[in-house]
Amino acid sequence: KDIDQIHDEIEKSKETGKPIEFKYDDELPGGGQFYCIETAKHFADAKSLADHKKTKTYKRRVKNLQKEKYGQDVAEWAAGMSK
């Protein structure tokens, strides 16, 4: 998933006050029960999810997610258009 989509998921879960939940699905690793919101990946068990959260990839993604989300105004400003 793109960073903007992940930003939207995080905002949605903060608004509702509930984390994103998945119903059990045989097609997903771990039945879809061990999901990392920041990287949009499913894991087989809690240990592999915890190990994933120690990796460079995860830490980079979290750092990128802390930056402000790009919006239409930022895109217009970058293109030299002003209001």
PDB file of N, CA and C in Angstrom:
ATOM      1  N   LYS A   1       0.837  -1.188   0.000  1.00  0.00           N
ATOM      2  CA  LYS A   1       0.000   0.000   0.000  1.00  0.00           C
ATOM      3  C   LYS A   1       0.873   1.239   0.000  1.00  0.00           C
ATOM      4  N   ASP A   2       0.309   2.306  -0.485  1.00  0.00           N
ATOM      5  CA  ASP A   2       1.005   3.580  -0.517  1.00  0.00           C
ATOM      6  C   ASP A   2       0.911   4.244   0.861  1.00  0.00           C
ATOM      7  N   ILE A   3       1.843   5.129   1.139  1.00  0.00           N
ATOM      8  CA  ILE A   3       1.891   5.790   2.449  1.00  0.00           C
ATOM      9  C   ILE A   3       0.606   6.574   2.723  1.00  0.00           C
ATOM     10  N   ASP A   4       0.039   7.213   1.694  1.00  0.00           N
ATOM     11  CA  ASP A   4      -1.201   7.967   1.889  1.00  0.00           C
ATOM     12  C   ASP A   4      -2.346   7.056   2.330  1.00  0.00           C
ATOM     13  N   GLN A   5      -2.419   5.865   1.766  1.00  0.00           N
ATOM     14  CA  GLN A   5      -3.468   4.922   2.154  1.00  0.00           C
ATOM     15  C   GLN A   5      -3.282   4.474   3.602  1.00  0.00           C
ATOM     16  N   ILE A   6      -2.042   4.276   4.005  1.00  0.00           N
ATOM     17  CA  ILE A   6      -1.763   3.868   5.381  1.00  0.00           C
ATOM     18  C   ILE A   6      -2.096   5.004   6.343  1.00  0.00           C
ATOM     19  N   HIS A   7      -1.772   6.260   5.948  1.00  0.00           N
ATOM     20  CA  HIS A   7      -2.151   7.423   6.759  1.00  0.00           C
ATOM     21  C   HIS A   7      -3.665   7.428   6.980  1.00  0.00           C
ATOM     22  N   ASP A   8      -4.429   7.183   5.917  1.00  0.00           N
ATOM     23  CA  ASP A   8      -5.888   7.176   6.026  1.00  0.00           C
ATOM     24  C   ASP A   8      -6.374   6.091   6.980  1.00  0.00           C
ATOM     25  N   GLU A   9      -5.781   4.892   6.904  1.00  0.00           N
ATOM     26  CA  GLU A   9      -6.169   3.800   7.802  1.00  0.00           C
ATOM     27  C   GLU A   9      -5.889   4.155   9.259  1.00  0.00           C
ATOM     28  N   ILE A  10      -4.733   4.754   9.506  1.00  0.00           N
ATOM     29  CA  ILE A  10      -4.367   5.127  10.876  1.00  0.00           C
ATOM     30  C   ILE A  10      -5.316   6.197  11.402  1.00  0.00           C
ATOM     31  N   GLU A  11      -5.634   7.205  10.569  1.00  0.00           N
ATOM     32  CA  GLU A  11      -6.564   8.253  10.985  1.00  0.00           C
ATOM     33  C   GLU A  11      -7.944   7.664  11.280  1.00  0.00           C
ATOM     34  N   LYS A  12      -8.380   6.746  10.441  1.00  0.00           N
ATOM     35  CA  LYS A  12      -9.693   6.123  10.624  1.00  0.00           C
ATOM     36  C   LYS A  12      -9.754   5.341  11.933  1.00  0.00           C
ATOM     37  N   SER A  13      -8.677   4.610  12.248  1.00  0.00           N
ATOM     38  CA  SER A  13      -8.676   3.838  13.492  1.00  0.00           C
ATOM     39  C   SER A  13      -8.607   4.753  14.715  1.00  0.00           C
ATOM     40  N   LYS A  14      -7.964   5.911  14.583  1.00  0.00           N
ATOM     41  CA  LYS A  14      -7.930   6.865  15.699  1.00  0.00           C
ATOM     42  C   LYS A  14      -9.303   7.496  15.911  1.00  0.00           C
ATOM     43  N   GLU A  15     -10.007   7.796  14.809  1.00  0.00           N
ATOM     44  CA  GLU A  15     -11.334   8.403  14.920  1.00  0.00           C
ATOM     45  C   GLU A  15     -12.325   7.456  15.585  1.00  0.00           C
ATOM     46  N   THR A  16     -12.302   6.197  15.182  1.00  0.00           N
ATOM     47  CA  THR A  16     -13.241   5.230  15.746  1.00  0.00           C
ATOM     48  C   THR A  16     -12.803   4.746  17.120  1.00  0.00           C
ATOM     49  N   GLY A  17     -11.514   4.864  17.417  1.00  0.00           N
ATOM     50  CA  GLY A  17     -11.007   4.416  18.706  1.00  0.00           C
ATOM     51  C   GLY A  17     -10.753   2.926  18.769  1.00  0.00           C
ATOM     52  N   LYS A  18     -10.918   2.243  17.637  1.00  0.00           N
ATOM     53  CA  LYS A  18     -10.694   0.797  17.588  1.00  0.00           C
ATOM     54  C   LYS A  18      -9.598   0.489  16.580  1.00  0.00           C
ATOM     55  N   PRO A  19      -8.741  -0.477  16.893  1.00  0.00           N
ATOM     56  CA  PRO A  19      -7.741  -0.887  15.896  1.00  0.00           C
ATOM     57  C   PRO A  19      -8.416  -1.631  14.745  1.00  0.00           C
ATOM     58  N   ILE A  20      -7.727  -1.702  13.628  1.00  0.00           N
ATOM     59  CA  ILE A  20      -8.259  -2.424  12.474  1.00  0.00           C
ATOM     60  C   ILE A  20      -8.292  -3.910  12.800  1.00  0.00           C
ATOM     61  N   GLU A  21      -9.444  -4.531  12.588  1.00  0.00           N
ATOM     62  CA  GLU A  21      -9.595  -5.953  12.880  1.00  0.00           C
ATOM     63  C   GLU A  21      -9.915  -6.702  11.597  1.00  0.00           C
ATOM     64  N   PHE A  22      -9.384  -7.903  11.495  1.00  0.00           N
ATOM     65  CA  PHE A  22      -9.648  -8.753  10.343  1.00  0.00           C
ATOM     66  C   PHE A  22     -10.334 -10.022  10.814  1.00  0.00           C
ATOM     67  N   LYS A  23     -11.312 -10.462  10.051  1.00  0.00           N
ATOM     68  CA  LYS A  23     -11.936 -11.748  10.344  1.00  0.00           C
ATOM     69  C   LYS A  23     -10.971 -12.839   9.922  1.00  0.00           C
ATOM     70  N   TYR A  24     -11.117 -14.006  10.513  1.00  0.00           N
ATOM     71  CA  TYR A  24     -10.224 -15.116  10.199  1.00  0.00           C
ATOM     72  C   TYR A  24     -10.352 -15.474   8.724  1.00  0.00           C
ATOM     73  N   ASP A  25      -9.194 -15.560   8.047  1.00  0.00           N
ATOM     74  CA  ASP A  25      -9.159 -15.878   6.623  1.00  0.00           C
ATOM     75  C   ASP A  25      -8.045 -16.887   6.371  1.00  0.00           C
ATOM     76  N   ASP A  26      -8.406 -18.060   5.874  1.00  0.00           N
ATOM     77  CA  ASP A  26      -7.419 -19.117   5.620  1.00  0.00           C
ATOM     78  C   ASP A  26      -6.376 -18.714   4.586  1.00  0.00           C
ATOM     79  N   GLU A  27      -6.709 -17.787   3.715  1.00  0.00           N
ATOM     80  CA  GLU A  27      -5.803 -17.391   2.636  1.00  0.00           C
ATOM     81  C   GLU A  27      -4.642 -16.517   3.133  1.00  0.00           C
ATOM     82  N   LEU A  28      -4.813 -15.858   4.260  1.00  0.00           N
ATOM     83  CA  LEU A  28      -3.779 -14.953   4.778  1.00  0.00           C
ATOM     84  C   LEU A  28      -2.890 -15.671   5.784  1.00  0.00           C
ATOM     85  N   PRO A  29      -1.621 -15.246   5.887  1.00  0.00           N
ATOM     86  CA  PRO A  29      -0.737 -15.837   6.900  1.00  0.00           C
ATOM     87  C   PRO A  29      -1.309 -15.604   8.302  1.00  0.00           C
ATOM     88  N   GLY A  30      -1.284 -16.634   9.117  1.00  0.00           N
ATOM     89  CA  GLY A  30      -1.796 -16.514  10.485  1.00  0.00           C
ATOM     90  C   GLY A  30      -3.288 -16.260  10.531  1.00  0.00           C
ATOM     91  N   GLY A  31      -3.975 -16.540   9.453  1.00  0.00           N
ATOM     92  CA  GLY A  31      -5.415 -16.315   9.408  1.00  0.00           C
ATOM     93  C   GLY A  31      -5.781 -14.847   9.369  1.00  0.00           C
ATOM     94  N   GLY A  32      -4.809 -13.972   9.124  1.00  0.00           N
ATOM     95  CA  GLY A  32      -5.071 -12.541   9.066  1.00  0.00           C
ATOM     96  C   GLY A  32      -5.170 -11.882  10.427  1.00  0.00           C
ATOM     97  N   GLN A  33      -4.755 -12.573  11.470  1.00  0.00           N
ATOM     98  CA  GLN A  33      -4.903 -12.051  12.827  1.00  0.00           C
ATOM     99  C   GLN A  33      -3.710 -11.225  13.301  1.00  0.00           C
ATOM    100  N   PHE A  34      -2.582 -11.334  12.629  1.00  0.00           N
ATOM    101  CA  PHE A  34      -1.370 -10.608  13.033  1.00  0.00           C
ATOM    102  C   PHE A  34      -0.991  -9.662  11.905  1.00  0.00           C
ATOM    103  N   TYR A  35      -1.489  -8.426  11.989  1.00  0.00           N
ATOM    104  CA  TYR A  35      -1.350  -7.444  10.913  1.00  0.00           C
ATOM    105  C   TYR A  35      -0.555  -6.249  11.404  1.00  0.00           C
ATOM    106  N   CYS A  36       0.364  -5.789  10.579  1.00  0.00           N
ATOM    107  CA  CYS A  36       1.143  -4.586  10.882  1.00  0.00           C
ATOM    108  C   CYS A  36       0.553  -3.447  10.058  1.00  0.00           C
ATOM    109  N   ILE A  37      -0.046  -2.465  10.716  1.00  0.00           N
ATOM    110  CA  ILE A  37      -0.681  -1.352  10.014  1.00  0.00           C
ATOM    111  C   ILE A  37       0.352  -0.529   9.255  1.00  0.00           C
ATOM    112  N   GLU A  38       1.499  -0.277   9.873  1.00  0.00           N
ATOM    113  CA  GLU A  38       2.497   0.607   9.274  1.00  0.00           C
ATOM    114  C   GLU A  38       3.048   0.088   7.952  1.00  0.00           C
ATOM    115  N   THR A  39       3.227  -1.216   7.827  1.00  0.00           N
ATOM    116  CA  THR A  39       3.779  -1.768   6.586  1.00  0.00           C
ATOM    117  C   THR A  39       2.732  -2.517   5.767  1.00  0.00           C
ATOM    118  N   ALA A  40       1.521  -2.633   6.275  1.00  0.00           N
ATOM    119  CA  ALA A  40       0.411  -3.312   5.589  1.00  0.00           C
ATOM    120  C   ALA A  40       0.765  -4.751   5.239  1.00  0.00           C
ATOM    121  N   LYS A  41       1.305  -5.483   6.224  1.00  0.00           N
ATOM    122  CA  LYS A  41       1.675  -6.883   6.016  1.00  0.00           C
ATOM    123  C   LYS A  41       1.036  -7.760   7.087  1.00  0.00           C
ATOM    124  N   HIS A  42       0.720  -8.990   6.694  1.00  0.00           N
ATOM    125  CA  HIS A  42       0.193  -9.994   7.618  1.00  0.00           C
ATOM    126  C   HIS A  42       1.317 -10.944   8.006  1.00  0.00           C
ATOM    127  N   PHE A  43       1.267 -11.446   9.251  1.00  0.00           N
ATOM    128  CA  PHE A  43       2.298 -12.359   9.738  1.00  0.00           C
ATOM    129  C   PHE A  43       1.661 -13.620  10.299  1.00  0.00           C
ATOM    130  N   ALA A  44       2.462 -14.683  10.354  1.00  0.00           N
ATOM    131  CA  ALA A  44       1.970 -15.997  10.764  1.00  0.00           C
ATOM    132  C   ALA A  44       1.659 -16.072  12.255  1.00  0.00           C
ATOM    133  N   ASP A  45       2.452 -15.374  13.087  1.00  0.00           N
ATOM    134  CA  ASP A  45       2.214 -15.433  14.527  1.00  0.00           C
ATOM    135  C   ASP A  45       2.706 -14.149  15.189  1.00  0.00           C
ATOM    136  N   ALA A  46       2.448 -14.033  16.488  1.00  0.00           N
ATOM    137  CA  ALA A  46       2.801 -12.823  17.229  1.00  0.00           C
ATOM    138  C   ALA A  46       4.312 -12.629  17.305  1.00  0.00           C
ATOM    139  N   LYS A  47       5.066 -13.721  17.385  1.00  0.00           N
ATOM    140  CA  LYS A  47       6.522 -13.612  17.470  1.00  0.00           C
ATOM    141  C   LYS A  47       7.104 -13.020  16.190  1.00  0.00           C
ATOM    142  N   SER A  48       6.632 -13.469  15.033  1.00  0.00           N
ATOM    143  CA  SER A  48       7.159 -12.928  13.780  1.00  0.00           C
ATOM    144  C   SER A  48       6.747 -11.466  13.600  1.00  0.00           C
ATOM    145  N   LEU A  49       5.575 -11.087  14.100  1.00  0.00           N
ATOM    146  CA  LEU A  49       5.166  -9.679  14.063  1.00  0.00           C
ATOM    147  C   LEU A  49       6.072  -8.846  14.962  1.00  0.00           C
ATOM    148  N   ALA A  50       6.376  -9.351  16.158  1.00  0.00           N
ATOM    149  CA  ALA A  50       7.265  -8.640  17.082  1.00  0.00           C
ATOM    150  C   ALA A  50       8.675  -8.523  16.497  1.00  0.00           C
ATOM    151  N   ASP A  51       9.157  -9.591  15.853  1.00  0.00           N
ATOM    152  CA  ASP A  51      10.474  -9.546  15.208  1.00  0.00           C
ATOM    153  C   ASP A  51      10.485  -8.535  14.066  1.00  0.00           C
ATOM    154  N   HIS A  52       9.388  -8.467  13.321  1.00  0.00           N
ATOM    155  CA  HIS A  52       9.270  -7.517  12.212  1.00  0.00           C
ATOM    156  C   HIS A  52       9.380  -6.075  12.709  1.00  0.00           C
ATOM    157  N   LYS A  53       8.816  -5.812  13.885  1.00  0.00           N
ATOM    158  CA  LYS A  53       8.828  -4.448  14.415  1.00  0.00           C
ATOM    159  C   LYS A  53      10.210  -4.013  14.889  1.00  0.00           C
ATOM    160  N   LYS A  54      11.190  -4.913  14.838  1.00  0.00           N
ATOM    161  CA  LYS A  54      12.567  -4.576  15.192  1.00  0.00           C
ATOM    162  C   LYS A  54      13.427  -4.331  13.954  1.00  0.00           C
ATOM    163  N   THR A  55      12.875  -4.520  12.758  1.00  0.00           N
ATOM    164  CA  THR A  55      13.667  -4.428  11.530  1.00  0.00           C
ATOM    165  C   THR A  55      13.812  -2.990  11.048  1.00  0.00           C
ATOM    166  N   LYS A  56      14.807  -2.783  10.183  1.00  0.00           N
ATOM    167  CA  LYS A  56      15.037  -1.466   9.597  1.00  0.00           C
ATOM    168  C   LYS A  56      13.871  -1.028   8.728  1.00  0.00           C
ATOM    169  N   THR A  57      13.310  -1.957   7.986  1.00  0.00           N
ATOM    170  CA  THR A  57      12.197  -1.638   7.088  1.00  0.00           C
ATOM    171  C   THR A  57      11.033  -1.038   7.863  1.00  0.00           C
ATOM    172  N   TYR A  58      10.693  -1.663   8.972  1.00  0.00           N
ATOM    173  CA  TYR A  58       9.593  -1.180   9.802  1.00  0.00           C
ATOM    174  C   TYR A  58       9.916   0.204  10.366  1.00  0.00           C
ATOM    175  N   LYS A  59      11.126   0.362  10.882  1.00  0.00           N
ATOM    176  CA  LYS A  59      11.507   1.635  11.499  1.00  0.00           C
ATOM    177  C   LYS A  59      11.530   2.767  10.482  1.00  0.00           C
ATOM    178  N   ARG A  60      11.972   2.477   9.252  1.00  0.00           N
ATOM    179  CA  ARG A  60      11.957   3.495   8.190  1.00  0.00           C
ATOM    180  C   ARG A  60      10.529   3.906   7.861  1.00  0.00           C
ATOM    181  N   ARG A  61       9.646   2.928   7.768  1.00  0.00           N
ATOM    182  CA  ARG A  61       8.254   3.226   7.426  1.00  0.00           C
ATOM    183  C   ARG A  61       7.607   4.080   8.509  1.00  0.00           C
ATOM    184  N   VAL A  62       7.876   3.762   9.777  1.00  0.00           N
ATOM    185  CA  VAL A  62       7.318   4.546  10.880  1.00  0.00           C
ATOM    186  C   VAL A  62       7.833   5.981  10.807  1.00  0.00           C
ATOM    187  N   LYS A  63       9.108   6.130  10.483  1.00  0.00           N
ATOM    188  CA  LYS A  63       9.696   7.466  10.359  1.00  0.00           C
ATOM    189  C   LYS A  63       9.030   8.236   9.216  1.00  0.00           C
ATOM    190  N   ASN A  64       8.786   7.567   8.088  1.00  0.00           N
ATOM    191  CA  ASN A  64       8.117   8.212   6.958  1.00  0.00           C
ATOM    192  C   ASN A  64       6.675   8.576   7.293  1.00  0.00           C
ATOM    193  N   LEU A  65       6.017   7.758   8.086  1.00  0.00           N
ATOM    194  CA  LEU A  65       4.631   8.032   8.456  1.00  0.00           C
ATOM    195  C   LEU A  65       4.507   9.203   9.426  1.00  0.00           C
ATOM    196  N   GLN A  66       5.590   9.549  10.113  1.00  0.00           N
ATOM    197  CA  GLN A  66       5.547  10.676  11.039  1.00  0.00           C
ATOM    198  C   GLN A  66       5.560  12.006  10.298  1.00  0.00           C
ATOM    199  N   LYS A  67       5.992  11.975   9.035  1.00  0.00           N
ATOM    200  CA  LYS A  67       5.964  13.196   8.228  1.00  0.00           C
ATOM    201  C   LYS A  67       4.519  13.535   7.897  1.00  0.00           C
ATOM    202  N   GLU A  68       4.297  14.808   7.582  1.00  0.00           N
ATOM    203  CA  GLU A  68       2.948  15.261   7.272  1.00  0.00           C
ATOM    204  C   GLU A  68       2.448  14.630   5.971  1.00  0.00           C
ATOM    205  N   LYS A  69       1.183  14.288   5.964  1.00  0.00           N
ATOM    206  CA  LYS A  69       0.570  13.672   4.789  1.00  0.00           C
ATOM    207  C   LYS A  69       0.447  14.716   3.676  1.00  0.00           C
ATOM    208  N   TYR A  70       0.768  14.285   2.459  1.00  0.00           N
ATOM    209  CA  TYR A  70       0.644  15.193   1.324  1.00  0.00           C
ATOM    210  C   TYR A  70      -0.819  15.377   0.972  1.00  0.00           C
ATOM    211  N   GLY A  71      -1.165  16.612   0.660  1.00  0.00           N
ATOM    212  CA  GLY A  71      -2.534  16.911   0.267  1.00  0.00           C
ATOM    213  C   GLY A  71      -2.547  17.654  -1.053  1.00  0.00           C
ATOM    214  N   GLN A  72      -3.715  18.028  -1.489  1.00  0.00           N
ATOM    215  CA  GLN A  72      -3.851  18.729  -2.763  1.00  0.00           C
ATOM    216  C   GLN A  72      -3.159  20.084  -2.716  1.00  0.00           C
ATOM    217  N   ASP A  73      -3.248  20.807  -1.555  1.00  0.00           N
ATOM    218  CA  ASP A  73      -2.611  22.132  -1.468  1.00  0.00           C
ATOM    219  C   ASP A  73      -1.101  22.028  -1.640  1.00  0.00           C
ATOM    220  N   VAL A  74      -0.491  20.990  -1.060  1.00  0.00           N
ATOM    221  CA  VAL A  74       0.958  20.806  -1.179  1.00  0.00           C
ATOM    222  C   VAL A  74       1.328  20.532  -2.633  1.00  0.00           C
ATOM    223  N   ALA A  75       0.526  19.733  -3.325  1.00  0.00           N
ATOM    224  CA  ALA A  75       0.796  19.421  -4.728  1.00  0.00           C
ATOM    225  C   ALA A  75       0.677  20.670  -5.593  1.00  0.00           C
ATOM    226  N   GLU A  76      -0.334  21.490  -5.331  1.00  0.00           N
ATOM    227  CA  GLU A  76      -0.494  22.728  -6.097  1.00  0.00           C
ATOM    228  C   GLU A  76       0.638  23.700  -5.805  1.00  0.00           C
ATOM    229  N   TRP A  77       1.048  23.784  -4.550  1.00  0.00           N
ATOM    230  CA  TRP A  77       2.146  24.669  -4.190  1.00  0.00           C
ATOM    231  C   TRP A  77       3.430  24.232  -4.897  1.00  0.00           C
ATOM    232  N   ALA A  78       3.693  22.921  -4.939  1.00  0.00           N
ATOM    233  CA  ALA A  78       4.894  22.398  -5.582  1.00  0.00           C
ATOM    234  C   ALA A  78       4.873  22.659  -7.085  1.00  0.00           C
ATOM    235  N   ALA A  79       3.692  22.713  -7.682  1.00  0.00           N
ATOM    236  CA  ALA A  79       3.568  22.959  -9.114  1.00  0.00           C
ATOM    237  C   ALA A  79       3.617  24.448  -9.433  1.00  0.00           C
ATOM    238  N   GLY A  80       3.688  25.283  -8.402  1.00  0.00           N
ATOM    239  CA  GLY A  80       3.771  26.727  -8.606  1.00  0.00           C
ATOM    240  C   GLY A  80       2.420  27.404  -8.689  1.00  0.00           C
ATOM    241  N   MET A  81       1.393  26.680  -8.380  1.00  0.00           N
ATOM    242  CA  MET A  81       0.052  27.259  -8.396  1.00  0.00           C
ATOM    243  C   MET A  81      -0.265  27.775  -7.002  1.00  0.00           C
ATOM    244  N   SER A  82      -0.925  28.911  -6.931  1.00  0.00           N
ATOM    245  CA  SER A  82      -1.300  29.442  -5.621  1.00  0.00           C
ATOM    246  C   SER A  82      -2.771  29.812  -5.640  1.00  0.00           C
ATOM    247  N   LYS A  83      -3.314  29.962  -4.463  1.00  0.00           N
ATOM    248  CA  LYS A  83      -4.747  30.277  -4.361  1.00  0.00           C
ATOM    249  C   LYS A  83      -4.999  31.745  -4.545  1.00  0.00           C
TER     250      LYS A  83
END
